[in-house]
């Protein structure tokens, strides 16, 4: 990846995994897609990294779109580590943004085309948990995403 223009691409950890939280900021660089295509054959499982990259890239573009729509507090994606062995990119909204508010829902709809294969963004928020009967105070819930993309 470094030799193909992504100079700050991280080394794998001791388990051979590439830290996704360090890759997320790099996914929006113009060099990333070409470098990934050039290096993909070196990965042991070439399907999952492509899906993850597509989702990360889409989520970075989606976040920029949401901010351009006027949702200034919309965060960049992070890595949700609540699924051991299956970390996934997520918008960790906490209580900063109510994804169910009508204006935000309209902005989400306007930016959804930036997500790969028309998937919805995977989001975690306290507001989502509040809409679940019996949810404890301060809890967070996650929703969206795709069944085929982690």
Protein backbone atom coordinates (compact mmCIF):
# COMPACT_ATOMS: atom_id res chain seq x y z
CA UNK A 1 0.00 0.00 0.00
CA UNK A 2 2.82 2.37 0.87
CA UNK A 3 4.62 1.73 -2.39
CA UNK A 4 1.38 2.53 -4.23
CA UNK A 5 0.92 6.00 -2.69
CA UNK A 6 -0.65 5.39 0.76
CA UNK A 7 2.48 6.30 2.72
CA UNK A 8 0.92 6.16 6.20
CA UNK A 9 -0.73 2.75 5.79
CA UNK A 10 -0.27 0.87 9.11
CA UNK A 11 1.61 -2.35 9.68
CA UNK A 12 -0.43 -5.40 10.69
CA UNK A 13 -0.57 -6.12 14.43
CA UNK A 14 0.92 -9.24 16.02
CA UNK A 15 -2.16 -11.23 14.92
CA UNK A 16 -1.65 -10.21 11.31
CA UNK A 17 -4.70 -7.90 11.34
CA UNK A 18 -4.60 -4.40 9.93
CA UNK A 19 -6.06 -1.93 12.48
CA UNK A 20 -9.27 -0.67 10.82
CA UNK A 21 -9.40 2.41 13.03
CA UNK A 22 -6.10 3.50 11.44
CA UNK A 23 -7.30 2.68 7.91
CA UNK A 24 -10.60 4.63 8.13
CA UNK A 25 -8.97 8.06 7.77
CA UNK A 26 -6.92 6.79 4.82
CA UNK A 27 -9.91 5.35 2.92
CA UNK A 28 -10.92 8.74 1.57
CA UNK A 29 -7.53 9.48 -0.01
CA UNK A 30 -7.52 9.48 -3.81
CA UNK A 31 -4.63 6.97 -3.85
CA UNK A 32 -6.39 4.39 -1.68
CA UNK A 33 -8.65 2.65 -4.27
CA UNK A 34 -5.84 2.14 -6.79
CA UNK A 35 -3.41 0.97 -4.10
CA UNK A 36 -5.95 -1.49 -2.74
CA UNK A 37 -6.63 -2.94 -6.18
CA UNK A 38 -2.89 -3.31 -6.79
CA UNK A 39 -2.32 -5.04 -3.43
CA UNK A 40 -5.52 -7.02 -2.98
CA UNK A 41 -3.99 -10.23 -4.28
CA UNK A 42 -1.65 -10.22 -1.26
CA UNK A 43 -4.50 -10.61 1.22
CA UNK A 44 -5.50 -14.11 2.40
CA UNK A 45 -9.25 -13.45 1.90
CA UNK A 46 -9.77 -10.94 -0.89
CA UNK A 47 -13.56 -10.61 -0.62
CA UNK A 48 -13.97 -9.16 2.88
CA UNK A 49 -11.37 -6.37 2.54
CA UNK A 50 -13.00 -5.11 -0.65
CA UNK A 51 -16.41 -5.01 1.03
CA UNK A 52 -14.97 -3.30 4.10
CA UNK A 53 -13.10 -0.77 1.97
CA UNK A 54 -16.21 -0.03 -0.06
CA UNK A 55 -18.24 0.51 3.08
CA UNK A 56 -15.55 2.66 4.72
CA UNK A 57 -15.11 4.79 1.61
CA UNK A 58 -18.85 5.17 1.26
CA UNK A 59 -19.26 6.10 4.90
CA UNK A 60 -16.50 8.75 4.69
CA UNK A 61 -18.20 10.27 1.62
CA UNK A 62 -21.59 9.97 3.34
CA UNK A 63 -20.28 11.87 6.41
CA UNK A 64 -18.93 14.66 4.20
CA UNK A 65 -22.29 14.84 2.42
CA UNK A 66 -24.19 15.04 5.72
CA UNK A 67 -21.98 17.92 6.84
CA UNK A 68 -22.47 19.66 3.48
CA UNK A 69 -26.24 19.30 4.01
CA UNK A 70 -25.87 21.33 7.21
CA UNK A 71 -25.52 18.56 9.82
CA UNK A 72 -22.25 20.01 11.16
CA UNK A 73 -22.02 17.52 14.07
CA UNK A 74 -22.17 14.42 11.84
CA UNK A 75 -19.06 12.38 12.77
CA UNK A 76 -16.66 10.44 10.58
CA UNK A 77 -17.05 6.66 10.87
CA UNK A 78 -15.24 4.80 13.65
CA UNK A 79 -14.80 1.09 14.33
CA UNK A 80 -17.49 -0.60 16.45
CA UNK A 81 -15.69 -3.15 18.59
CA UNK A 82 -18.81 -4.47 20.32
CA UNK A 83 -18.79 -7.49 17.99
CA UNK A 84 -15.55 -9.34 18.85
CA UNK A 85 -13.99 -10.80 15.75
CA UNK A 86 -16.25 -8.69 13.53
CA UNK A 87 -15.40 -5.00 13.98
CA UNK A 88 -17.43 -2.83 11.64
CA UNK A 89 -17.44 0.80 10.58
CA UNK A 90 -20.13 2.77 12.38
CA UNK A 91 -21.32 6.31 12.88
CA UNK A 92 -21.18 6.70 16.66
CA UNK A 93 -23.81 9.39 17.09
CA UNK A 94 -24.31 9.09 20.88
CA UNK A 95 -26.79 11.87 21.58
CA UNK A 96 -25.10 14.38 19.26
CA UNK A 97 -27.43 13.70 16.32
CA UNK A 98 -30.95 12.26 16.32
CA UNK A 99 -30.97 10.08 13.17
CA UNK A 100 -34.76 9.79 13.39
CA UNK A 101 -35.46 13.56 13.30
CA UNK A 102 -37.36 14.42 10.11
CA UNK A 103 -34.73 16.86 8.78
CA UNK A 104 -31.88 14.43 9.53
CA UNK A 105 -33.83 11.57 7.93
CA UNK A 106 -34.23 13.70 4.80
CA UNK A 107 -30.49 14.44 4.76
CA UNK A 108 -29.72 10.74 5.24
CA UNK A 109 -31.95 9.98 2.27
CA UNK A 110 -30.21 12.68 0.19
CA UNK A 111 -26.75 11.23 0.95
CA UNK A 112 -27.60 7.50 0.92
CA UNK A 113 -26.51 7.15 -2.73
CA UNK A 114 -22.89 7.49 -1.54
CA UNK A 115 -23.10 4.21 0.37
CA UNK A 116 -22.09 1.10 -1.60
CA UNK A 117 -24.90 -0.89 -3.23
CA UNK A 118 -27.57 1.36 -1.67
CA UNK A 119 -26.88 0.08 1.83
CA UNK A 120 -27.88 2.22 4.74
CA UNK A 121 -25.22 3.59 7.11
CA UNK A 122 -24.65 1.62 10.32
CA UNK A 123 -25.34 3.99 13.23
CA UNK A 124 -25.29 3.77 17.02
CA UNK A 125 -27.17 6.27 19.14
CA UNK A 126 -28.85 6.75 22.50
CA UNK A 127 -31.84 8.14 20.61
CA UNK A 128 -32.28 4.82 18.81
CA UNK A 129 -32.23 2.97 22.15
CA UNK A 130 -34.86 5.29 23.62
CA UNK A 131 -37.30 4.05 20.97
CA UNK A 132 -36.88 0.42 22.08
CA UNK A 133 -39.40 -0.52 24.82
CA UNK A 134 -37.66 -1.50 28.07
CA UNK A 135 -34.30 -0.05 27.06
CA UNK A 136 -32.38 1.12 30.17
CA UNK A 137 -31.60 4.84 30.53
CA UNK A 138 -28.37 5.86 28.82
CA UNK A 139 -28.27 2.71 26.66
CA UNK A 140 -27.29 2.86 23.01
CA UNK A 141 -28.70 0.89 20.11
CA UNK A 142 -27.35 0.34 16.63
CA UNK A 143 -29.15 0.00 13.35
CA UNK A 144 -28.82 0.20 9.62
CA UNK A 145 -25.99 -1.29 7.66
CA UNK A 146 -26.27 -4.29 5.42
CA UNK A 147 -26.60 -7.98 5.98
CA UNK A 148 -23.96 -8.62 3.33
CA UNK A 149 -21.40 -6.00 4.35
CA UNK A 150 -20.04 -6.23 7.90
